[in-house]
Amino acid sequence: MNFSTSTTTIKHALLALALLLLALTQRAYGKPIYTGHEFVVTNVNIIDVKNKLVIPHQNIHVRNRKIIAISDYNPKHLPLDIALIEGRNGYITPGLIDMHVHMYEPAAFTIALSHGVTHVRIMNGVPAHLEWREALIDGRMIGSTVTVSSPIVSGYDDAPLHRTVHTADQAREAANEFAEAGYDLIKVYGNLNQEALNALVDEAHKLGMPLGKHGPHASGDMPISTLAGFQSFEHAEDIYQGPLNYQRDEALLPPIIDDLKATGVPITPTLNIFNQLTMISAQKQAYLDSLPEEYTSSIIALEAKRNQVARWLKASEAMVKHNQTTLAFLLTITQKLHEAAIPLLVGSDSGVLLSPHGLATHKEMQLLEKAGLSRFEVLEAATVNPAKALGMDRHIGQVTEGYNADFIYSRGNPLEDLNVLVNPDAVVKRGRWFDASQLTERRNMAIENRSFWGELGTLIEAY
């Protein structure tokens, strides 16, 4: 038997199975539900993140998925012909935006929404994400809406879910293919060579395609200024590993930070994932047992447990101390970036290392607060800054007239304790009010209806 022919046949058969599985999954989305909802939330305090103030005792009028009016609360002058939701002097916060996630099954979007994350940016896209993006917009799926990056463009050979690029021609071909397919941005890895990175940047700019880069540094002799205009740079850890060459020396940071600031590109620190590996290495199985296992799909959990998780479960005491010291230094890097007025973006890297969707977003926010950001500044990194980076700052990221009705309701004040947002009293998504019990119900249904075969099809199609 010819091995290459056999391999090709098997691959084609698996792809056919994958497409069938995806089609069956998409038929199960159901009918749109984000239709016909009009209501007024009365007597709430609006967290105005952009202007860093609280606007007390307001009504919010929602219709056709938008906030159509905000007005002062007066119990004697409430509308009689519109459904009223009593806000009871609670707080309204813009929906959270997580700028760095990895999701390969529909349940992840519902899980994230149940914790107040109303929009996510996937940073390793596959074809199924483009279908889900549309289903989330029109209401056939319930969950966070999504911005989808291309598959990762990297210099690795045969890396799963990566597009291998070594030459300028390959880079230009990839950029055009991803633009034509409908991806929202191109994800660039740090090991792309100088020729390929230059060509990719040039072609993406011609196509009007944003770029997001793993690692806030260029390739070869390219100055960092070459990357001006990128949508974001990812990972404070890569500042430590790249420009600092693993030196935990705060004195070396100022020129690096000056160069980064000059690009005007916001940075997504993704502190959560290094915190996660640090906790696994230190507490071992006890920490894993504290994570909600149902938040991670079986295929992703199996891969993580056999690889990265297994590695950190075997960590020595010396490695634990190294991880803890490095995490503290990553917090310092983040603090210095913030002090330099470089815009920061909340990005949890959820889906990696069993990091739970939604909950990881809040852990990232907690770590930003630990790095020295005020609560208003943390919320800015989770709402206003991401909306601006995505070019969606006229639609999301604020609670104001004309914007999408995507917001969180909490009885407690998030400016006193950000943790009140972890399990919201309600979330409004595209003008639909989901109270706490409905959020839990939706999350549980999504988890129960999870499809091993559907996810397998998603991954096979992407290979």
Protein backbone atom coordinates (compact mmCIF):
# COMPACT_ATOMS: atom_id res chain seq x y z
CA MET A 1 0.00 0.00 0.00
CA ASN A 2 1.27 3.47 -0.87
CA PHE A 3 1.64 5.23 2.50
CA SER A 4 1.15 8.79 1.20
CA THR A 5 -1.98 7.78 -0.72
CA SER A 6 -3.36 6.01 2.33
CA THR A 7 -2.64 9.01 4.54
CA THR A 8 -4.34 11.36 2.08
CA THR A 9 -7.39 9.10 1.87
CA ILE A 10 -7.68 8.95 5.66
CA LYS A 11 -7.31 12.72 5.90
CA HIS A 12 -10.03 13.27 3.30
CA ALA A 13 -12.32 10.84 5.11
CA LEU A 14 -11.75 12.58 8.41
CA LEU A 15 -12.37 15.95 6.79
CA ALA A 16 -15.64 14.72 5.31
CA LEU A 17 -16.66 13.44 8.74
CA ALA A 18 -15.66 16.77 10.27
CA LEU A 19 -17.79 18.75 7.84
CA LEU A 20 -20.77 16.47 8.53
CA LEU A 21 -20.33 16.87 12.28
CA LEU A 22 -20.08 20.64 11.95
CA ALA A 23 -23.22 20.77 9.82
CA LEU A 24 -25.13 18.73 12.38
CA THR A 25 -23.87 20.94 15.18
CA GLN A 26 -24.89 24.12 13.39
CA ARG A 27 -28.39 22.76 12.74
CA ALA A 28 -28.74 22.45 16.49
CA TYR A 29 -28.20 26.16 17.07
CA GLY A 30 -31.94 26.80 17.00
CA LYS A 31 -33.85 29.96 16.13
CA PRO A 32 -32.66 33.45 17.00
CA ILE A 33 -33.86 34.65 20.41
CA TYR A 34 -32.47 38.20 20.45
CA THR A 35 -35.64 39.67 18.97
CA GLY A 36 -38.38 41.96 20.16
CA HIS A 37 -37.01 42.82 23.58
CA GLU A 38 -37.79 46.25 24.96
CA PHE A 39 -37.50 47.21 28.60
CA VAL A 40 -36.38 49.91 31.00
CA VAL A 41 -34.04 49.18 33.88
CA THR A 42 -34.93 51.66 36.61
CA ASN A 43 -32.94 53.33 39.37
CA VAL A 44 -29.42 52.11 38.65
CA ASN A 45 -26.00 53.64 39.11
CA ILE A 46 -24.03 53.63 35.86
CA ILE A 47 -20.28 53.01 36.04
CA ASP A 48 -18.95 55.50 33.49
CA VAL A 49 -15.56 53.88 32.93
CA LYS A 50 -14.37 56.30 30.26
CA ASN A 51 -14.84 59.36 32.46
CA LYS A 52 -14.13 57.51 35.71
CA LEU A 53 -17.29 58.49 37.53
CA VAL A 54 -20.55 56.98 38.73
CA ILE A 55 -23.81 58.43 37.42
CA PRO A 56 -26.42 57.77 40.15
CA HIS A 57 -30.13 56.97 39.89
CA GLN A 58 -30.61 56.45 36.17
CA ASN A 59 -33.04 54.63 33.91
CA ILE A 60 -31.73 52.70 30.89
CA HIS A 61 -34.14 52.15 28.01
CA VAL A 62 -33.28 49.19 25.76
CA ARG A 63 -34.89 48.47 22.40
CA ASN A 64 -33.77 46.60 19.28
CA ARG A 65 -30.52 45.49 20.97
CA LYS A 66 -29.46 49.09 21.63
CA ILE A 67 -29.50 51.53 24.52
CA ILE A 68 -31.87 54.10 23.09
CA ALA A 69 -32.15 56.42 26.09
CA ILE A 70 -30.68 57.10 29.54
CA SER A 71 -32.57 59.37 31.89
CA ASP A 72 -32.81 60.43 35.52
CA TYR A 73 -34.87 58.12 37.69
CA ASN A 74 -38.16 59.51 38.95
CA PRO A 75 -40.64 56.95 40.32
CA LYS A 76 -43.53 59.24 39.39
CA HIS A 77 -42.59 59.42 35.73
CA LEU A 78 -41.95 55.86 34.66
CA PRO A 79 -43.33 54.60 31.33
CA LEU A 80 -46.54 52.61 31.61
CA ASP A 81 -46.38 50.76 28.29
CA ILE A 82 -42.88 49.24 28.53
CA ALA A 83 -41.63 46.35 30.67
CA LEU A 84 -39.86 47.66 33.77
CA ILE A 85 -36.99 45.92 35.55
CA GLU A 86 -36.37 47.30 39.00
CA GLY A 87 -32.69 48.15 39.43
CA ARG A 88 -33.03 48.70 43.18
CA ASN A 89 -30.12 51.16 43.27
CA GLY A 90 -27.79 48.53 41.85
CA TYR A 91 -24.87 49.08 39.46
CA ILE A 92 -24.52 48.86 35.71
CA THR A 93 -21.07 48.11 34.30
CA PRO A 94 -20.17 47.77 30.60
CA GLY A 95 -19.89 44.16 29.46
CA LEU A 96 -16.37 42.80 29.82
CA ILE A 97 -14.17 42.16 26.79
CA ASP A 98 -11.54 39.41 26.96
CA MET A 99 -8.92 40.06 24.28
CA HIS A 100 -7.11 36.73 24.37
CA VAL A 101 -8.99 33.44 24.52
CA HIS A 102 -8.84 29.98 22.95
CA MET A 103 -12.26 28.41 22.38
CA TYR A 104 -12.99 25.35 20.25
CA GLU A 105 -16.58 24.53 21.17
CA PRO A 106 -19.82 26.53 21.42
CA ALA A 107 -20.28 25.97 25.17
CA ALA A 108 -17.26 28.19 25.89
CA PHE A 109 -19.06 31.30 24.67
CA THR A 110 -22.05 30.67 26.93
CA ILE A 111 -19.81 29.96 29.91
CA ALA A 112 -17.97 33.24 29.36
CA LEU A 113 -21.22 35.21 29.03
CA SER A 114 -22.49 33.76 32.30
CA HIS A 115 -19.62 35.57 34.03
CA GLY A 116 -20.25 38.94 32.38
CA VAL A 117 -17.89 38.58 29.42
CA THR A 118 -19.95 39.90 26.53
CA HIS A 119 -17.23 39.88 23.84
CA VAL A 120 -14.07 37.85 23.30
CA ARG A 121 -11.19 37.87 20.85
CA ILE A 122 -10.06 34.40 19.77
CA MET A 123 -6.32 34.37 19.12
CA ASN A 124 -6.01 31.15 17.13
CA GLY A 125 -8.89 31.02 14.72
CA VAL A 126 -10.23 28.02 12.83
CA PRO A 127 -12.95 27.89 10.13
CA ALA A 128 -15.70 26.93 12.59
CA HIS A 129 -15.16 30.19 14.49
CA LEU A 130 -16.33 32.15 11.46
CA GLU A 131 -19.63 30.23 11.48
CA TRP A 132 -20.01 30.68 15.23
CA ARG A 133 -19.28 34.39 14.94
CA GLU A 134 -22.32 34.84 12.71
CA ALA A 135 -24.51 32.55 14.84
CA LEU A 136 -23.62 34.57 17.95
CA ILE A 137 -24.46 37.83 16.20
CA ASP A 138 -27.89 36.76 14.99
CA GLY A 139 -28.82 34.85 18.14
CA ARG A 140 -28.72 31.26 16.93
CA MET A 141 -26.07 30.75 19.59
CA ILE A 142 -26.18 32.31 23.05
CA GLY A 143 -22.90 33.66 24.36
CA SER A 144 -20.21 36.26 24.07
CA THR A 145 -19.87 37.69 20.59
CA VAL A 146 -16.46 37.22 19.06
CA THR A 147 -13.63 38.73 17.05
CA VAL A 148 -11.72 35.95 15.29
CA SER A 149 -8.03 35.98 14.46
CA SER A 150 -6.53 33.94 11.67
CA PRO A 151 -4.74 30.69 12.43
CA ILE A 152 -1.38 31.52 13.99
CA VAL A 153 1.21 32.52 11.41
CA SER A 154 4.53 31.15 12.64
CA GLY A 155 7.93 29.82 11.67
CA TYR A 156 7.24 26.40 13.16
CA ASP A 157 7.08 23.42 10.82
CA ASP A 158 3.99 21.21 11.21
CA ALA A 159 2.76 22.86 14.42
CA PRO A 160 -0.92 22.03 15.05
CA LEU A 161 -3.31 24.86 14.13
CA HIS A 162 -0.42 27.02 12.83
CA ARG A 163 0.23 28.31 9.32
CA THR A 164 3.91 27.76 8.56
CA VAL A 165 5.52 30.73 6.84
CA HIS A 166 9.22 31.07 5.99
CA THR A 167 9.27 33.34 2.92
CA ALA A 168 7.83 36.66 1.80
CA ASP A 169 5.68 34.94 -0.84
CA GLN A 170 4.25 32.54 1.73
CA ALA A 171 3.49 35.46 4.04
CA ARG A 172 1.63 37.41 1.36
CA GLU A 173 -0.29 34.31 0.31
CA ALA A 174 -1.36 33.67 3.89
CA ALA A 175 -2.50 37.27 4.41
CA ASN A 176 -4.64 37.21 1.29
CA GLU A 177 -6.10 33.81 2.11
CA PHE A 178 -7.10 34.87 5.61
CA ALA A 179 -8.59 38.16 4.43
CA GLU A 180 -10.64 36.36 1.79
CA ALA A 181 -11.83 33.78 4.33
CA GLY A 182 -13.21 36.55 6.54
CA TYR A 183 -10.95 36.52 9.60
CA ASP A 184 -10.96 39.76 11.58
CA LEU A 185 -7.20 40.01 12.16
CA ILE A 186 -3.97 38.12 11.57
CA LYS A 187 -2.24 36.48 14.53
CA VAL A 188 1.56 36.62 14.22
CA TYR A 189 3.94 34.48 16.27
CA GLY A 190 7.24 35.70 17.67
CA ASN A 191 9.45 33.29 15.70
CA LEU A 192 8.56 34.57 12.23
CA ASN A 193 11.75 35.53 10.39
CA GLN A 194 12.44 39.10 9.30
CA GLU A 195 11.69 38.59 5.61
CA ALA A 196 8.38 36.90 6.31
CA LEU A 197 7.32 39.38 9.00
CA ASN A 198 8.12 42.40 6.81
CA ALA A 199 6.08 40.96 3.94
CA LEU A 200 3.20 39.98 6.19
CA VAL A 201 2.99 43.45 7.73
CA ASP A 202 3.15 45.09 4.30
CA GLU A 203 0.49 42.85 2.77
CA ALA A 204 -1.82 43.09 5.77
CA HIS A 205 -1.67 46.89 5.65
CA LYS A 206 -2.54 46.81 1.94
CA LEU A 207 -5.53 44.58 2.71
CA GLY A 208 -6.64 46.66 5.69
CA MET A 209 -6.21 43.63 7.96
CA PRO A 210 -5.25 44.35 11.59
CA LEU A 211 -2.46 42.32 13.16
CA GLY A 212 -1.94 41.05 16.69
CA LYS A 213 1.48 39.80 17.70
CA HIS A 214 2.57 37.15 20.16
CA GLY A 215 5.49 38.91 21.80
CA PRO A 216 6.01 42.70 21.74
CA HIS A 217 9.17 42.61 19.63
CA ALA A 218 10.13 42.46 15.97
CA SER A 219 12.36 39.96 14.11
CA GLY A 220 16.03 40.12 13.21
CA ASP A 221 17.25 43.69 12.80
CA MET A 222 13.76 45.16 12.42
CA PRO A 223 13.11 48.07 14.80
CA ILE A 224 10.01 47.77 16.97
CA SER A 225 8.68 50.87 15.19
CA THR A 226 8.02 48.59 12.18
CA LEU A 227 5.09 47.20 14.15
CA ALA A 228 3.37 50.53 14.75
CA GLY A 229 -0.34 50.24 14.00
CA PHE A 230 -0.74 46.68 15.23
CA GLN A 231 -3.99 45.92 17.03
CA SER A 232 -2.09 44.64 20.07
CA PHE A 233 1.03 43.02 21.44
CA GLU A 234 0.49 39.89 23.56
CA HIS A 235 2.15 38.66 26.76
CA ALA A 236 4.19 40.56 29.33
CA GLU A 237 6.04 37.27 29.68
CA ASP A 238 7.48 37.81 26.21
CA ILE A 239 9.03 41.10 27.27
CA TYR A 240 10.86 39.10 29.93
CA GLN A 241 11.81 36.32 27.50
CA GLY A 242 12.52 38.55 24.49
CA PRO A 243 13.98 42.06 24.94
CA LEU A 244 15.09 41.31 28.53
CA ASN A 245 16.55 37.90 27.59
CA TYR A 246 15.29 36.37 30.87
CA GLN A 247 16.90 39.02 33.04
CA ARG A 248 14.70 40.06 35.95
CA ASP A 249 16.25 43.50 36.10
CA GLU A 250 13.89 46.43 36.47
CA ALA A 251 16.66 48.86 35.51
CA LEU A 252 16.63 47.45 31.95
CA LEU A 253 12.95 48.24 31.40
CA PRO A 254 12.86 52.02 30.65
CA PRO A 255 14.30 51.96 27.08
CA ILE A 256 12.22 48.90 26.20
CA ILE A 257 9.06 50.56 27.47
CA ASP A 258 9.92 53.80 25.66
CA ASP A 259 10.18 51.88 22.37
CA LEU A 260 6.90 50.11 23.01
CA LYS A 261 5.11 53.33 23.89
CA ALA A 262 6.35 54.97 20.68
CA THR A 263 4.50 52.34 18.61
CA GLY A 264 1.14 53.37 20.09
CA VAL A 265 0.18 49.69 20.31
CA PRO A 266 -1.77 48.46 23.40
CA ILE A 267 -0.45 45.46 25.30
CA THR A 268 -2.30 42.41 26.61
CA PRO A 269 -0.25 41.18 29.60
CA THR A 270 -2.02 37.77 29.96
CA LEU A 271 -0.84 37.46 33.57
CA ASN A 272 -3.50 34.86 34.32
CA ILE A 273 -1.84 32.04 32.46
CA PHE A 274 1.54 32.44 34.19
CA ASN A 275 -0.32 32.66 37.48
CA GLN A 276 -2.09 29.42 36.52
CA LEU A 277 1.10 27.51 35.83
CA THR A 278 2.62 28.92 39.03
CA MET A 279 -0.34 27.69 41.06
CA ILE A 280 -0.24 24.24 39.43
CA SER A 281 3.49 23.94 40.10
CA ALA A 282 3.10 25.01 43.73
CA GLN A 283 -0.14 23.30 44.79
CA LYS A 284 -0.15 20.44 42.30
CA GLN A 285 -3.36 18.34 42.16
CA ALA A 286 -5.00 20.33 44.96
CA TYR A 287 -5.08 23.37 42.70
CA LEU A 288 -6.42 21.41 39.74
CA ASP A 289 -9.17 20.05 41.96
CA SER A 290 -10.23 23.63 42.72
CA LEU A 291 -10.92 24.37 39.03
CA PRO A 292 -14.40 23.76 37.59
CA GLU A 293 -13.63 20.71 35.45
CA GLU A 294 -16.85 21.10 33.46
CA TYR A 295 -15.65 24.46 32.08
CA THR A 296 -13.09 22.72 29.87
CA SER A 297 -14.05 20.38 27.04
CA SER A 298 -12.81 16.80 27.20
CA ILE A 299 -10.51 17.04 24.17
CA ILE A 300 -8.77 20.21 25.32
CA ALA A 301 -8.54 18.86 28.88
CA LEU A 302 -6.97 15.63 27.65
CA GLU A 303 -4.35 17.47 25.60
CA ALA A 304 -3.54 19.90 28.42
CA LYS A 305 -3.23 17.18 31.07
CA ARG A 306 -0.90 15.10 28.90
CA ASN A 307 1.39 18.01 28.08
CA GLN A 308 1.72 21.35 29.88
CA VAL A 309 -0.24 20.42 33.00
CA ALA A 310 1.78 17.23 33.42
CA ARG A 311 4.96 19.27 33.19
CA TRP A 312 4.00 21.64 36.00
CA LEU A 313 2.69 18.86 38.22
CA LYS A 314 6.27 17.55 38.24
CA ALA A 315 7.82 20.92 39.08
CA SER A 316 10.55 20.90 41.73
CA GLU A 317 10.66 23.29 44.67
CA ALA A 318 13.35 25.25 42.85
CA MET A 319 11.07 25.59 39.81
CA VAL A 320 8.17 26.68 42.02
CA LYS A 321 10.31 29.43 43.50
CA HIS A 322 11.46 30.44 40.01
CA ASN A 323 7.85 30.65 38.80
CA GLN A 324 6.78 32.70 41.81
CA THR A 325 9.69 35.12 41.38
CA THR A 326 9.02 35.45 37.66
CA LEU A 327 5.30 36.08 38.24
CA ALA A 328 6.19 38.89 40.65
CA PHE A 329 8.46 40.37 37.98
CA LEU A 330 5.71 40.14 35.34
CA LEU A 331 3.52 42.16 37.69
CA THR A 332 6.32 44.74 37.88
CA ILE A 333 6.59 44.86 34.08
CA THR A 334 2.83 45.41 33.88
CA GLN A 335 3.02 48.14 36.50
CA LYS A 336 5.74 49.94 34.54
CA LEU A 337 3.79 49.65 31.29
CA HIS A 338 0.81 51.18 33.04
CA GLU A 339 2.87 53.97 34.59
CA ALA A 340 4.13 54.79 31.09
CA ALA A 341 0.49 55.24 29.99
CA ILE A 342 0.63 52.35 27.53
CA PRO A 343 -2.96 51.12 27.12
CA LEU A 344 -3.45 47.70 28.70
CA LEU A 345 -6.00 45.11 27.60
CA VAL A 346 -7.56 42.34 29.66
CA GLY A 347 -6.72 39.01 28.07
CA SER A 348 -6.87 35.80 30.06
CA ASP A 349 -5.54 33.17 27.62
CA SER A 350 -8.47 31.07 28.85
CA GLY A 351 -8.64 27.58 27.41
CA VAL A 352 -4.92 27.07 27.96
CA LEU A 353 -3.69 24.99 30.93
CA LEU A 354 -7.31 24.26 31.89
CA SER A 355 -7.85 27.97 32.59
CA PRO A 356 -11.66 28.35 32.83
CA HIS A 357 -13.47 30.67 30.45
CA GLY A 358 -15.06 33.68 32.12
CA LEU A 359 -13.50 33.02 35.51
CA ALA A 360 -10.06 33.49 33.98
CA THR A 361 -11.11 36.93 32.76
CA HIS A 362 -11.79 37.96 36.34
CA LYS A 363 -8.50 36.46 37.54
CA GLU A 364 -6.71 38.61 34.96
CA MET A 365 -8.53 41.66 36.29
CA GLN A 366 -7.52 40.77 39.85
CA LEU A 367 -3.90 40.47 38.76
CA LEU A 368 -4.01 43.85 37.02
CA GLU A 369 -5.28 45.36 40.26
CA LYS A 370 -2.42 43.62 42.06
CA ALA A 371 -0.05 45.22 39.53
CA GLY A 372 -1.15 48.64 40.71
CA LEU A 373 -4.10 49.60 38.52
CA SER A 374 -7.06 51.25 40.22
CA ARG A 375 -10.43 49.54 39.87
CA PHE A 376 -11.50 52.12 37.32
CA GLU A 377 -8.29 51.44 35.39
CA VAL A 378 -8.87 47.69 35.53
CA LEU A 379 -12.38 48.18 34.17
CA GLU A 380 -10.94 50.44 31.47
CA ALA A 381 -8.60 47.61 30.43
CA ALA A 382 -11.62 45.30 30.24
CA THR A 383 -14.02 47.62 28.37
CA VAL A 384 -12.97 50.95 26.86
CA ASN A 385 -9.43 50.01 25.82
CA PRO A 386 -10.37 46.73 24.10
CA ALA A 387 -13.29 48.37 22.28
CA LYS A 388 -10.91 51.02 20.94
CA ALA A 389 -8.28 48.45 19.93
CA LEU A 390 -10.93 46.48 18.03
CA GLY A 391 -12.25 49.59 16.29
CA MET A 392 -15.61 48.97 17.95
CA ASP A 393 -15.55 51.89 20.39
CA ARG A 394 -18.70 53.41 18.89
CA HIS A 395 -20.65 50.25 19.66
CA ILE A 396 -19.33 48.46 22.77
CA GLY A 397 -17.27 49.17 25.87
CA GLN A 398 -19.53 51.84 27.36
CA VAL A 399 -23.04 52.20 28.74
CA THR A 400 -24.30 55.15 26.77
CA GLU A 401 -27.05 56.04 24.33
CA GLY A 402 -26.72 54.49 20.90
CA TYR A 403 -24.37 51.72 22.02
CA ASN A 404 -25.11 48.00 21.98
CA ALA A 405 -27.07 46.88 25.01
CA ASP A 406 -24.24 44.76 26.41
CA PHE A 407 -23.84 45.33 30.13
CA ILE A 408 -23.68 43.80 33.60
CA TYR A 409 -26.06 44.40 36.47
CA SER A 410 -24.83 43.86 40.04
CA ARG A 411 -26.38 44.70 43.38
CA GLY A 412 -22.91 45.46 44.77
CA ASN A 413 -20.56 48.22 43.68
CA PRO A 414 -17.65 46.88 41.57
CA LEU A 415 -15.59 49.93 42.52
CA GLU A 416 -15.61 48.62 46.08
CA ASP A 417 -15.01 45.01 45.07
CA LEU A 418 -14.45 43.84 41.49
CA ASN A 419 -15.45 40.33 42.53
CA VAL A 420 -19.14 41.29 42.48
CA LEU A 421 -18.83 40.95 38.69
CA VAL A 422 -17.66 37.33 38.78
CA ASN A 423 -21.19 35.97 39.17
CA PRO A 424 -23.41 38.84 38.02
CA ASP A 425 -26.95 39.38 39.19
CA ALA A 426 -27.82 39.83 35.52
CA VAL A 427 -26.17 40.27 32.13
CA VAL A 428 -27.70 42.07 29.18
CA LYS A 429 -26.44 40.80 25.83
CA ARG A 430 -27.68 42.28 22.57
CA GLY A 431 -30.67 43.70 24.42
CA ARG A 432 -31.70 40.47 26.14
CA TRP A 433 -31.84 40.43 29.95
CA PHE A 434 -30.50 37.24 31.55
CA ASP A 435 -30.88 37.13 35.33
CA ALA A 436 -28.58 35.07 37.53
CA SER A 437 -30.73 31.94 37.39
CA GLN A 438 -31.04 32.16 33.61
CA LEU A 439 -27.27 32.59 33.26
CA THR A 440 -26.71 29.47 35.34
CA GLU A 441 -29.35 27.57 33.39
CA ARG A 442 -27.86 28.59 30.04
CA ARG A 443 -24.35 27.65 31.20
CA ASN A 444 -25.49 24.25 32.46
CA MET A 445 -27.41 23.54 29.26
CA ALA A 446 -24.39 24.47 27.14
CA ILE A 447 -22.18 22.14 29.17
CA GLU A 448 -24.70 19.29 29.06
CA ASN A 449 -25.14 19.65 25.28
CA ARG A 450 -21.39 19.72 24.64
CA SER A 451 -20.47 17.45 21.72
CA PHE A 452 -17.20 15.52 21.75
CA TRP A 453 -17.67 14.65 18.10
CA GLY A 454 -18.55 18.20 17.14
CA GLU A 455 -15.39 19.51 18.75
CA LEU A 456 -13.35 16.77 17.13
CA GLY A 457 -14.78 17.82 13.79
CA THR A 458 -13.85 21.45 14.47
CA LEU A 459 -10.24 20.49 15.18
CA ILE A 460 -9.93 18.03 12.29
CA GLU A 461 -11.24 20.61 9.83
CA ALA A 462 -8.61 23.08 11.05
CA TYR A 463 -5.68 20.71 10.48
